Amino acid sequence: MRHVEHAMGTVFSFDLRPPLGDARRAVAEAVTWLHRVDAIFSPYRQDSPISRLGRGEIGLDDCPPEVTDVLDLCAAVAEVSDGYFSTRPAGLLDPSALVKGWAVEQASRMLDRHGAVNHCLNGGGDIQCAGRPARGRPWRIAVAHPLRPGITATVVSGQDLAVATSGTAERGPHIIDPHTGRPALELASITVTGTGLTMVDAYATAAFAMGGAARAWVERLPGAEAFAITTTGATWHTSGFPDAASPVIQEADGAILQRPR
């Protein structure tokens, strides 16, 4: 079963494989959830709780409980990343760098609870995979090359896998280094993998802001790995990055294509 939903200013695609369980109910619940997250956390909606909180019109106690949960997670990532992750990268309250991954991971858990245990949920390039697509086969995620349009940089494979890529290919230099207040320019993209997309998504943003220093940092993160492409086209990867030895290939060969956000 497949479904595509527009929410949070991007596209979410659902790919469910047998056994499907109560797939229609699962997808409906997940879609409702994604739109709720958008209503709460959109920095582009003047009436969203996160926008009103950022302007000081309401306090944290006036917000839905999800706001406290997300801001606590953001604070944890800010601490572990030595401040390279920030909810105020441009001065305004905006936890978007964690929210989408968190929303997708929660949606994935909803699918699992309804029996759709083998699925891949792609939220604007942030991917959460659960189970396997078929017996004996892992999920395969192709990462687009940020400097060579139409080329795949590497293919990541595994089960119960989360993959997030931060880069400049789609939106140009937009990730701010909180320590300088300027866009981070050392990397063209960095892909971070793990098991849960909440942390993987946030780690990818922090790692991009760090630049080359991210390699040693990710090596110290439990369960996380990274693959990066610099602005000169050079690559590096952490010691356990899945399939990091894969060459640059012309086609994804059946893999789900992931583009840097």
C-alpha atoms as a PDB file:
ATOM      1  CA  MET A   1       0.000   0.000   0.000  1.00  0.00           C
ATOM      2  CA  ARG A   2       1.259   3.465  -0.881  1.00  0.00           C
ATOM      3  CA  HIS A   3       0.020   6.905   0.084  1.00  0.00           C
ATOM      4  CA  VAL A   4       1.269  10.452  -0.513  1.00  0.00           C
ATOM      5  CA  GLU A   5       0.330  13.341   1.776  1.00  0.00           C
ATOM      6  CA  HIS A   6       1.184  17.040   1.609  1.00  0.00           C
ATOM      7  CA  ALA A   7       1.828  18.494   5.063  1.00  0.00           C
ATOM      8  CA  MET A   8       4.318  20.702   6.876  1.00  0.00           C
ATOM      9  CA  GLY A   9       5.277  22.348   3.596  1.00  0.00           C
ATOM     10  CA  THR A  10       6.605  19.131   2.103  1.00  0.00           C
ATOM     11  CA  VAL A  11       5.568  15.694   0.818  1.00  0.00           C
ATOM     12  CA  PHE A  12       5.237  12.590   2.963  1.00  0.00           C
ATOM     13  CA  SER A  13       5.212   9.231   1.204  1.00  0.00           C
ATOM     14  CA  PHE A  14       4.097   5.973   2.816  1.00  0.00           C
ATOM     15  CA  ASP A  15       5.295   2.617   1.482  1.00  0.00           C
ATOM     16  CA  LEU A  16       3.721  -0.308   3.355  1.00  0.00           C
ATOM     17  CA  ARG A  17       4.652  -3.945   2.671  1.00  0.00           C
ATOM     18  CA  PRO A  18       2.903  -7.153   3.838  1.00  0.00           C
ATOM     19  CA  PRO A  19       1.692  -7.937   6.385  1.00  0.00           C
ATOM     20  CA  LEU A  20      -0.374  -4.774   6.184  1.00  0.00           C
ATOM     21  CA  GLY A  21      -2.478  -5.191   9.314  1.00  0.00           C
ATOM     22  CA  ASP A  22      -5.112  -2.465   9.516  1.00  0.00           C
ATOM     23  CA  ALA A  23      -3.244  -0.369   6.963  1.00  0.00           C
ATOM     24  CA  ARG A  24      -5.968   2.101   6.069  1.00  0.00           C
ATOM     25  CA  ARG A  25      -6.643   2.980   9.682  1.00  0.00           C
ATOM     26  CA  ALA A  26      -2.905   3.193  10.340  1.00  0.00           C
ATOM     27  CA  VAL A  27      -2.283   5.622   7.501  1.00  0.00           C
ATOM     28  CA  ALA A  28      -5.329   7.714   8.407  1.00  0.00           C
ATOM     29  CA  GLU A  29      -4.098   8.054  11.998  1.00  0.00           C
ATOM     30  CA  ALA A  30      -0.577   8.930  10.860  1.00  0.00           C
ATOM     31  CA  VAL A  31      -1.855  11.542   8.388  1.00  0.00           C
ATOM     32  CA  THR A  32      -4.017  13.168  11.062  1.00  0.00           C
ATOM     33  CA  TRP A  33      -0.977  13.265  13.307  1.00  0.00           C
ATOM     34  CA  LEU A  34       1.208  14.963  10.684  1.00  0.00           C
ATOM     35  CA  HIS A  35      -1.350  17.717  10.161  1.00  0.00           C
ATOM     36  CA  ARG A  36      -1.634  18.204  13.924  1.00  0.00           C
ATOM     37  CA  VAL A  37       2.139  18.606  14.161  1.00  0.00           C
ATOM     38  CA  ASP A  38       2.018  21.150  11.365  1.00  0.00           C
ATOM     39  CA  ALA A  39      -0.696  23.137  13.129  1.00  0.00           C
ATOM     40  CA  ILE A  40       1.319  23.199  16.361  1.00  0.00           C
ATOM     41  CA  PHE A  41       4.849  23.749  15.105  1.00  0.00           C
ATOM     42  CA  SER A  42       4.661  25.623  11.816  1.00  0.00           C
ATOM     43  CA  PRO A  43       6.838  28.754  12.059  1.00  0.00           C
ATOM     44  CA  TYR A  44       4.995  30.092   8.997  1.00  0.00           C
ATOM     45  CA  ARG A  45       1.583  30.144  10.703  1.00  0.00           C
ATOM     46  CA  GLN A  46       1.171  33.239  12.804  1.00  0.00           C
ATOM     47  CA  ASP A  47      -1.431  31.503  14.980  1.00  0.00           C
ATOM     48  CA  SER A  48       0.529  28.300  15.651  1.00  0.00           C
ATOM     49  CA  PRO A  49       1.437  27.718  19.309  1.00  0.00           C
ATOM     50  CA  ILE A  50       5.157  27.696  18.490  1.00  0.00           C
ATOM     51  CA  SER A  51       4.898  31.080  16.728  1.00  0.00           C
ATOM     52  CA  ARG A  52       2.878  32.584  19.562  1.00  0.00           C
ATOM     53  CA  LEU A  53       5.304  31.173  22.130  1.00  0.00           C
ATOM     54  CA  GLY A  54       8.229  32.624  20.236  1.00  0.00           C
ATOM     55  CA  ARG A  55       6.612  36.074  20.236  1.00  0.00           C
ATOM     56  CA  GLY A  56       5.926  35.831  23.975  1.00  0.00           C
ATOM     57  CA  GLU A  57       2.143  35.952  23.559  1.00  0.00           C
ATOM     58  CA  ILE A  58       1.667  32.701  25.483  1.00  0.00           C
ATOM     59  CA  GLY A  59       3.722  30.661  27.928  1.00  0.00           C
ATOM     60  CA  LEU A  60       4.847  27.049  27.695  1.00  0.00           C
ATOM     61  CA  ASP A  61       1.995  25.983  29.987  1.00  0.00           C
ATOM     62  CA  ASP A  62      -0.470  27.408  27.438  1.00  0.00           C
ATOM     63  CA  CYS A  63       0.904  25.212  24.638  1.00  0.00           C
ATOM     64  CA  PRO A  64      -0.056  21.634  23.735  1.00  0.00           C
ATOM     65  CA  PRO A  65       2.074  19.088  25.654  1.00  0.00           C
ATOM     66  CA  GLU A  66       3.950  18.175  22.469  1.00  0.00           C
ATOM     67  CA  VAL A  67       5.711  21.550  22.585  1.00  0.00           C
ATOM     68  CA  THR A  68       7.348  20.771  25.922  1.00  0.00           C
ATOM     69  CA  ASP A  69       8.337  17.311  24.667  1.00  0.00           C
ATOM     70  CA  VAL A  70       9.974  18.726  21.533  1.00  0.00           C
ATOM     71  CA  LEU A  71      11.771  21.571  23.280  1.00  0.00           C
ATOM     72  CA  ASP A  72      13.169  19.123  25.849  1.00  0.00           C
ATOM     73  CA  LEU A  73      14.509  16.952  23.032  1.00  0.00           C
ATOM     74  CA  CYS A  74      15.985  20.019  21.330  1.00  0.00           C
ATOM     75  CA  ALA A  75      17.711  21.043  24.555  1.00  0.00           C
ATOM     76  CA  ALA A  76      19.268  17.582  24.826  1.00  0.00           C
ATOM     77  CA  VAL A  77      20.641  17.779  21.270  1.00  0.00           C
ATOM     78  CA  ALA A  78      21.927  21.317  21.855  1.00  0.00           C
ATOM     79  CA  GLU A  79      23.823  20.074  24.896  1.00  0.00           C
ATOM     80  CA  VAL A  80      25.336  16.997  23.270  1.00  0.00           C
ATOM     81  CA  SER A  81      26.338  19.009  20.162  1.00  0.00           C
ATOM     82  CA  ASP A  82      28.055  21.806  22.107  1.00  0.00           C
ATOM     83  CA  GLY A  83      25.481  24.293  20.856  1.00  0.00           C
ATOM     84  CA  TYR A  84      25.729  23.479  17.144  1.00  0.00           C
ATOM     85  CA  PHE A  85      22.041  22.591  17.296  1.00  0.00           C
ATOM     86  CA  SER A  86      19.772  25.500  18.201  1.00  0.00           C
ATOM     87  CA  THR A  87      16.038  26.214  18.287  1.00  0.00           C
ATOM     88  CA  ARG A  88      16.836  29.851  17.535  1.00  0.00           C
ATOM     89  CA  PRO A  89      19.302  29.655  14.648  1.00  0.00           C
ATOM     90  CA  ALA A  90      18.124  32.968  13.203  1.00  0.00           C
ATOM     91  CA  GLY A  91      16.916  34.528  16.442  1.00  0.00           C
ATOM     92  CA  LEU A  92      13.317  33.271  16.230  1.00  0.00           C
ATOM     93  CA  LEU A  93      12.027  30.155  17.977  1.00  0.00           C
ATOM     94  CA  ASP A  94      11.985  27.394  15.378  1.00  0.00           C
ATOM     95  CA  PRO A  95      12.526  23.722  16.330  1.00  0.00           C
ATOM     96  CA  SER A  96      11.865  22.554  12.755  1.00  0.00           C
ATOM     97  CA  ALA A  97      15.266  20.847  12.509  1.00  0.00           C
ATOM     98  CA  LEU A  98      13.992  18.215  14.940  1.00  0.00           C
ATOM     99  CA  VAL A  99      10.217  18.384  14.508  1.00  0.00           C
ATOM    100  CA  LYS A 100       9.914  16.680  11.113  1.00  0.00           C
ATOM    101  CA  GLY A 101      12.057  13.714  12.090  1.00  0.00           C
ATOM    102  CA  TRP A 102      10.175  13.425  15.366  1.00  0.00           C
ATOM    103  CA  ALA A 103       6.813  13.577  13.576  1.00  0.00           C
ATOM    104  CA  VAL A 104       7.866  10.888  11.096  1.00  0.00           C
ATOM    105  CA  GLU A 105       9.187   8.585  13.815  1.00  0.00           C
ATOM    106  CA  GLN A 106       5.932   8.927  15.760  1.00  0.00           C
ATOM    107  CA  ALA A 107       3.930   8.242  12.580  1.00  0.00           C
ATOM    108  CA  SER A 108       6.036   5.130  11.998  1.00  0.00           C
ATOM    109  CA  ARG A 109       5.143   3.876  15.474  1.00  0.00           C
ATOM    110  CA  MET A 110       1.470   4.371  14.685  1.00  0.00           C
ATOM    111  CA  LEU A 111       1.800   2.178  11.594  1.00  0.00           C
ATOM    112  CA  ASP A 112       3.567  -0.462  13.662  1.00  0.00           C
ATOM    113  CA  ARG A 113       0.843  -0.467  16.333  1.00  0.00           C
ATOM    114  CA  HIS A 114      -1.767  -1.220  13.651  1.00  0.00           C
ATOM    115  CA  GLY A 115       0.171  -4.202  12.339  1.00  0.00           C
ATOM    116  CA  ALA A 116       1.921  -2.555   9.381  1.00  0.00           C
ATOM    117  CA  VAL A 117       5.315  -3.601  10.720  1.00  0.00           C
ATOM    118  CA  ASN A 118       7.174  -3.426   7.389  1.00  0.00           C
ATOM    119  CA  HIS A 119       7.120   0.107   6.035  1.00  0.00           C
ATOM    120  CA  CYS A 120       9.135   3.074   4.861  1.00  0.00           C
ATOM    121  CA  LEU A 121       7.970   6.602   5.622  1.00  0.00           C
ATOM    122  CA  ASN A 122       9.694   9.435   3.769  1.00  0.00           C
ATOM    123  CA  GLY A 123       9.073  12.954   5.008  1.00  0.00           C
ATOM    124  CA  GLY A 124      10.686  15.416   2.630  1.00  0.00           C
ATOM    125  CA  GLY A 125      13.899  13.389   2.442  1.00  0.00           C
ATOM    126  CA  ASP A 126      13.960  12.261   6.076  1.00  0.00           C
ATOM    127  CA  ILE A 127      13.337   8.523   6.105  1.00  0.00           C
ATOM    128  CA  GLN A 128      12.224   6.039   8.749  1.00  0.00           C
ATOM    129  CA  CYS A 129      12.196   2.397   7.749  1.00  0.00           C
ATOM    130  CA  ALA A 130      10.760  -0.438   9.823  1.00  0.00           C
ATOM    131  CA  GLY A 131      11.088  -4.152   9.278  1.00  0.00           C
ATOM    132  CA  ARG A 132      11.939  -5.293   5.750  1.00  0.00           C
ATOM    133  CA  PRO A 133      10.372  -4.704   2.309  1.00  0.00           C
ATOM    134  CA  ALA A 134      10.425  -8.444   1.557  1.00  0.00           C
ATOM    135  CA  ARG A 135      11.667 -11.665   3.088  1.00  0.00           C
ATOM    136  CA  GLY A 136      15.452 -11.696   3.194  1.00  0.00           C
ATOM    137  CA  ARG A 137      15.805  -8.193   1.737  1.00  0.00           C
ATOM    138  CA  PRO A 138      16.751  -4.969   3.535  1.00  0.00           C
ATOM    139  CA  TRP A 139      15.502  -1.504   2.715  1.00  0.00           C
ATOM    140  CA  ARG A 140      17.845   0.356   0.359  1.00  0.00           C
ATOM    141  CA  ILE A 141      18.070   4.164   0.482  1.00  0.00           C
ATOM    142  CA  ALA A 142      19.928   5.992  -2.296  1.00  0.00           C
ATOM    143  CA  VAL A 143      21.450   9.317  -1.259  1.00  0.00           C
ATOM    144  CA  ALA A 144      21.536  11.945  -4.016  1.00  0.00           C
ATOM    145  CA  HIS A 145      24.850  13.624  -4.779  1.00  0.00           C
ATOM    146  CA  PRO A 146      24.547  17.332  -3.898  1.00  0.00           C
ATOM    147  CA  LEU A 147      27.060  18.494  -6.511  1.00  0.00           C
ATOM    148  CA  ARG A 148      26.178  16.150  -9.387  1.00  0.00           C
ATOM    149  CA  PRO A 149      22.461  16.254 -10.245  1.00  0.00           C
ATOM    150  CA  GLY A 150      21.064  12.861 -11.205  1.00  0.00           C
ATOM    151  CA  ILE A 151      23.922  10.957  -9.561  1.00  0.00           C
ATOM    152  CA  THR A 152      23.608   8.779  -6.473  1.00  0.00           C
ATOM    153  CA  ALA A 153      26.388   9.352  -3.936  1.00  0.00           C
ATOM    154  CA  THR A 154      25.888   6.163  -1.920  1.00  0.00           C
ATOM    155  CA  VAL A 155      23.261   3.591  -1.057  1.00  0.00           C
ATOM    156  CA  VAL A 156      22.425   2.771   2.550  1.00  0.00           C
ATOM    157  CA  SER A 157      20.798  -0.552   3.355  1.00  0.00           C
ATOM    158  CA  GLY A 158      19.348  -2.058   6.496  1.00  0.00           C
ATOM    159  CA  GLN A 159      16.209  -2.699   8.510  1.00  0.00           C
ATOM    160  CA  ASP A 160      14.729  -0.574  11.283  1.00  0.00           C
ATOM    161  CA  LEU A 161      16.767   2.241   9.786  1.00  0.00           C
ATOM    162  CA  ALA A 162      16.547   6.032   9.987  1.00  0.00           C
ATOM    163  CA  VAL A 163      18.320   8.231   7.417  1.00  0.00           C
ATOM    164  CA  ALA A 164      18.488  12.032   7.307  1.00  0.00           C
ATOM    165  CA  THR A 165      20.544  14.234   5.000  1.00  0.00           C
ATOM    166  CA  SER A 166      21.251  17.935   5.445  1.00  0.00           C
ATOM    167  CA  GLY A 167      22.728  19.850   2.549  1.00  0.00           C
ATOM    168  CA  THR A 168      22.664  22.807   0.213  1.00  0.00           C
ATOM    169  CA  ALA A 169      21.443  21.148  -3.000  1.00  0.00           C
ATOM    170  CA  GLU A 170      17.739  21.920  -2.609  1.00  0.00           C
ATOM    171  CA  ARG A 171      17.689  25.192  -0.640  1.00  0.00           C
ATOM    172  CA  GLY A 172      21.200  26.605  -0.918  1.00  0.00           C
ATOM    173  CA  PRO A 173      23.169  27.660   2.184  1.00  0.00           C
ATOM    174  CA  HIS A 174      20.417  27.768   4.814  1.00  0.00           C
ATOM    175  CA  ILE A 175      21.770  25.965   7.883  1.00  0.00           C
ATOM    176  CA  ILE A 176      23.150  28.481  10.357  1.00  0.00           C
ATOM    177  CA  ASP A 177      26.200  27.866  12.522  1.00  0.00           C
ATOM    178  CA  PRO A 178      24.851  29.136  15.867  1.00  0.00           C
ATOM    179  CA  HIS A 179      28.373  30.026  16.995  1.00  0.00           C
ATOM    180  CA  THR A 180      28.932  32.488  14.153  1.00  0.00           C
ATOM    181  CA  GLY A 181      25.391  33.407  13.127  1.00  0.00           C
ATOM    182  CA  ARG A 182      26.354  32.736   9.501  1.00  0.00           C
ATOM    183  CA  PRO A 183      25.475  29.880   7.112  1.00  0.00           C
ATOM    184  CA  ALA A 184      27.681  26.804   7.420  1.00  0.00           C
ATOM    185  CA  LEU A 185      29.628  26.410   4.174  1.00  0.00           C
ATOM    186  CA  GLU A 186      32.201  23.639   4.677  1.00  0.00           C
ATOM    187  CA  LEU A 187      30.003  20.711   3.628  1.00  0.00           C
ATOM    188  CA  ALA A 188      27.744  20.178   0.629  1.00  0.00           C
ATOM    189  CA  SER A 189      25.815  17.458   2.427  1.00  0.00           C
ATOM    190  CA  ILE A 190      25.973  15.091   5.359  1.00  0.00           C
ATOM    191  CA  THR A 191      23.900  11.950   5.810  1.00  0.00           C
ATOM    192  CA  VAL A 192      23.366  10.568   9.299  1.00  0.00           C
ATOM    193  CA  THR A 193      21.949   7.109  10.004  1.00  0.00           C
ATOM    194  CA  GLY A 194      20.603   5.423  13.121  1.00  0.00           C
ATOM    195  CA  THR A 195      17.465   3.677  14.288  1.00  0.00           C
ATOM    196  CA  GLY A 196      15.229   6.615  15.277  1.00  0.00           C
ATOM    197  CA  LEU A 197      14.622   9.598  13.023  1.00  0.00           C
ATOM    198  CA  THR A 198      14.023  12.106  15.837  1.00  0.00           C
ATOM    199  CA  MET A 199      17.682  12.205  16.861  1.00  0.00           C
ATOM    200  CA  VAL A 200      19.078  11.357  13.425  1.00  0.00           C
ATOM    201  CA  ASP A 201      17.320  14.371  11.874  1.00  0.00           C
ATOM    202  CA  ALA A 202      18.576  16.747  14.566  1.00  0.00           C
ATOM    203  CA  TYR A 203      22.073  15.260  14.486  1.00  0.00           C
ATOM    204  CA  ALA A 204      22.265  15.831  10.716  1.00  0.00           C
ATOM    205  CA  THR A 205      21.556  19.536  11.178  1.00  0.00           C
ATOM    206  CA  ALA A 206      24.092  19.894  13.992  1.00  0.00           C
ATOM    207  CA  ALA A 207      26.701  17.914  12.059  1.00  0.00           C
ATOM    208  CA  PHE A 208      26.274  20.083   8.975  1.00  0.00           C
ATOM    209  CA  ALA A 209      26.808  23.196  11.082  1.00  0.00           C
ATOM    210  CA  MET A 210      30.011  21.657  12.504  1.00  0.00           C
ATOM    211  CA  GLY A 211      31.572  20.898   9.143  1.00  0.00           C
ATOM    212  CA  GLY A 212      34.646  18.678   9.271  1.00  0.00           C
ATOM    213  CA  ALA A 213      34.529  18.475  13.058  1.00  0.00           C
ATOM    214  CA  ALA A 214      31.338  16.424  12.712  1.00  0.00           C
ATOM    215  CA  ARG A 215      33.264  13.261  11.875  1.00  0.00           C
ATOM    216  CA  ALA A 216      34.803  12.871  15.318  1.00  0.00           C
ATOM    217  CA  TRP A 217      31.575  14.022  16.967  1.00  0.00           C
ATOM    218  CA  VAL A 218      29.362  11.455  15.226  1.00  0.00           C
ATOM    219  CA  GLU A 219      31.895   8.704  15.994  1.00  0.00           C
ATOM    220  CA  ARG A 220      31.171   9.364  19.676  1.00  0.00           C
ATOM    221  CA  LEU A 221      27.374   9.240  19.303  1.00  0.00           C
ATOM    222  CA  PRO A 222      25.906   5.844  20.248  1.00  0.00           C
ATOM    223  CA  GLY A 223      24.239   4.181  17.285  1.00  0.00           C
ATOM    224  CA  ALA A 224      24.855   7.015  14.796  1.00  0.00           C
ATOM    225  CA  GLU A 225      27.003   7.041  11.645  1.00  0.00           C
ATOM    226  CA  ALA A 226      27.652   9.674   8.975  1.00  0.00           C
ATOM    227  CA  PHE A 227      28.691  10.106   5.353  1.00  0.00           C
ATOM    228  CA  ALA A 228      29.670  13.589   4.136  1.00  0.00           C
ATOM    229  CA  ILE A 229      30.512  15.329   0.879  1.00  0.00           C
ATOM    230  CA  THR A 230      32.499  18.559   1.117  1.00  0.00           C
ATOM    231  CA  THR A 231      32.024  21.556  -1.143  1.00  0.00           C
ATOM    232  CA  THR A 232      35.089  20.405  -3.114  1.00  0.00           C
ATOM    233  CA  GLY A 233      33.532  16.993  -3.772  1.00  0.00           C
ATOM    234  CA  ALA A 234      35.708  15.059  -1.313  1.00  0.00           C
ATOM    235  CA  THR A 235      33.972  12.491   0.899  1.00  0.00           C
ATOM    236  CA  TRP A 236      34.439  11.049   4.343  1.00  0.00           C
ATOM    237  CA  HIS A 237      32.489   8.648   6.527  1.00  0.00           C
ATOM    238  CA  THR A 238      32.488   7.364  10.057  1.00  0.00           C
ATOM    239  CA  SER A 239      33.809   3.889  10.748  1.00  0.00           C
ATOM    240  CA  GLY A 240      30.457   2.104  10.880  1.00  0.00           C
ATOM    241  CA  PHE A 241      28.524   3.887   8.146  1.00  0.00           C
ATOM    242  CA  PRO A 242      26.413   1.222   6.395  1.00  0.00           C
ATOM    243  CA  ASP A 243      27.613   0.511   2.853  1.00  0.00           C
ATOM    244  CA  ALA A 244      29.847   3.604   2.911  1.00  0.00           C
ATOM    245  CA  ALA A 245      32.209   1.881   0.490  1.00  0.00           C
ATOM    246  CA  SER A 246      29.540   1.943  -2.223  1.00  0.00           C
ATOM    247  CA  PRO A 247      30.862   3.838  -5.248  1.00  0.00           C
ATOM    248  CA  VAL A 248      29.089   6.780  -6.820  1.00  0.00           C
ATOM    249  CA  ILE A 249      26.616   5.116  -9.154  1.00  0.00           C
ATOM    250  CA  GLN A 250      24.428   6.316 -11.982  1.00  0.00           C
ATOM    251  CA  GLU A 251      21.171   4.743 -10.865  1.00  0.00           C
ATOM    252  CA  ALA A 252      19.673   3.823  -7.534  1.00  0.00           C
ATOM    253  CA  ASP A 253      18.917   0.266  -8.763  1.00  0.00           C
ATOM    254  CA  GLY A 254      15.545   0.015  -7.074  1.00  0.00           C
ATOM    255  CA  ALA A 255      16.515   1.960  -3.952  1.00  0.00           C
ATOM    256  CA  ILE A 256      14.348   4.710  -2.521  1.00  0.00           C
ATOM    257  CA  LEU A 257      15.937   8.022  -3.522  1.00  0.00           C
ATOM    258  CA  GLN A 258      16.663  10.451  -0.725  1.00  0.00           C
ATOM    259  CA  ARG A 259      17.554  14.038  -1.551  1.00  0.00           C
ATOM    260  CA  PRO A 260      19.330  16.451   0.811  1.00  0.00           C
ATOM    261  CA  ARG A 261      16.933  18.954   2.370  1.00  0.00           C
END
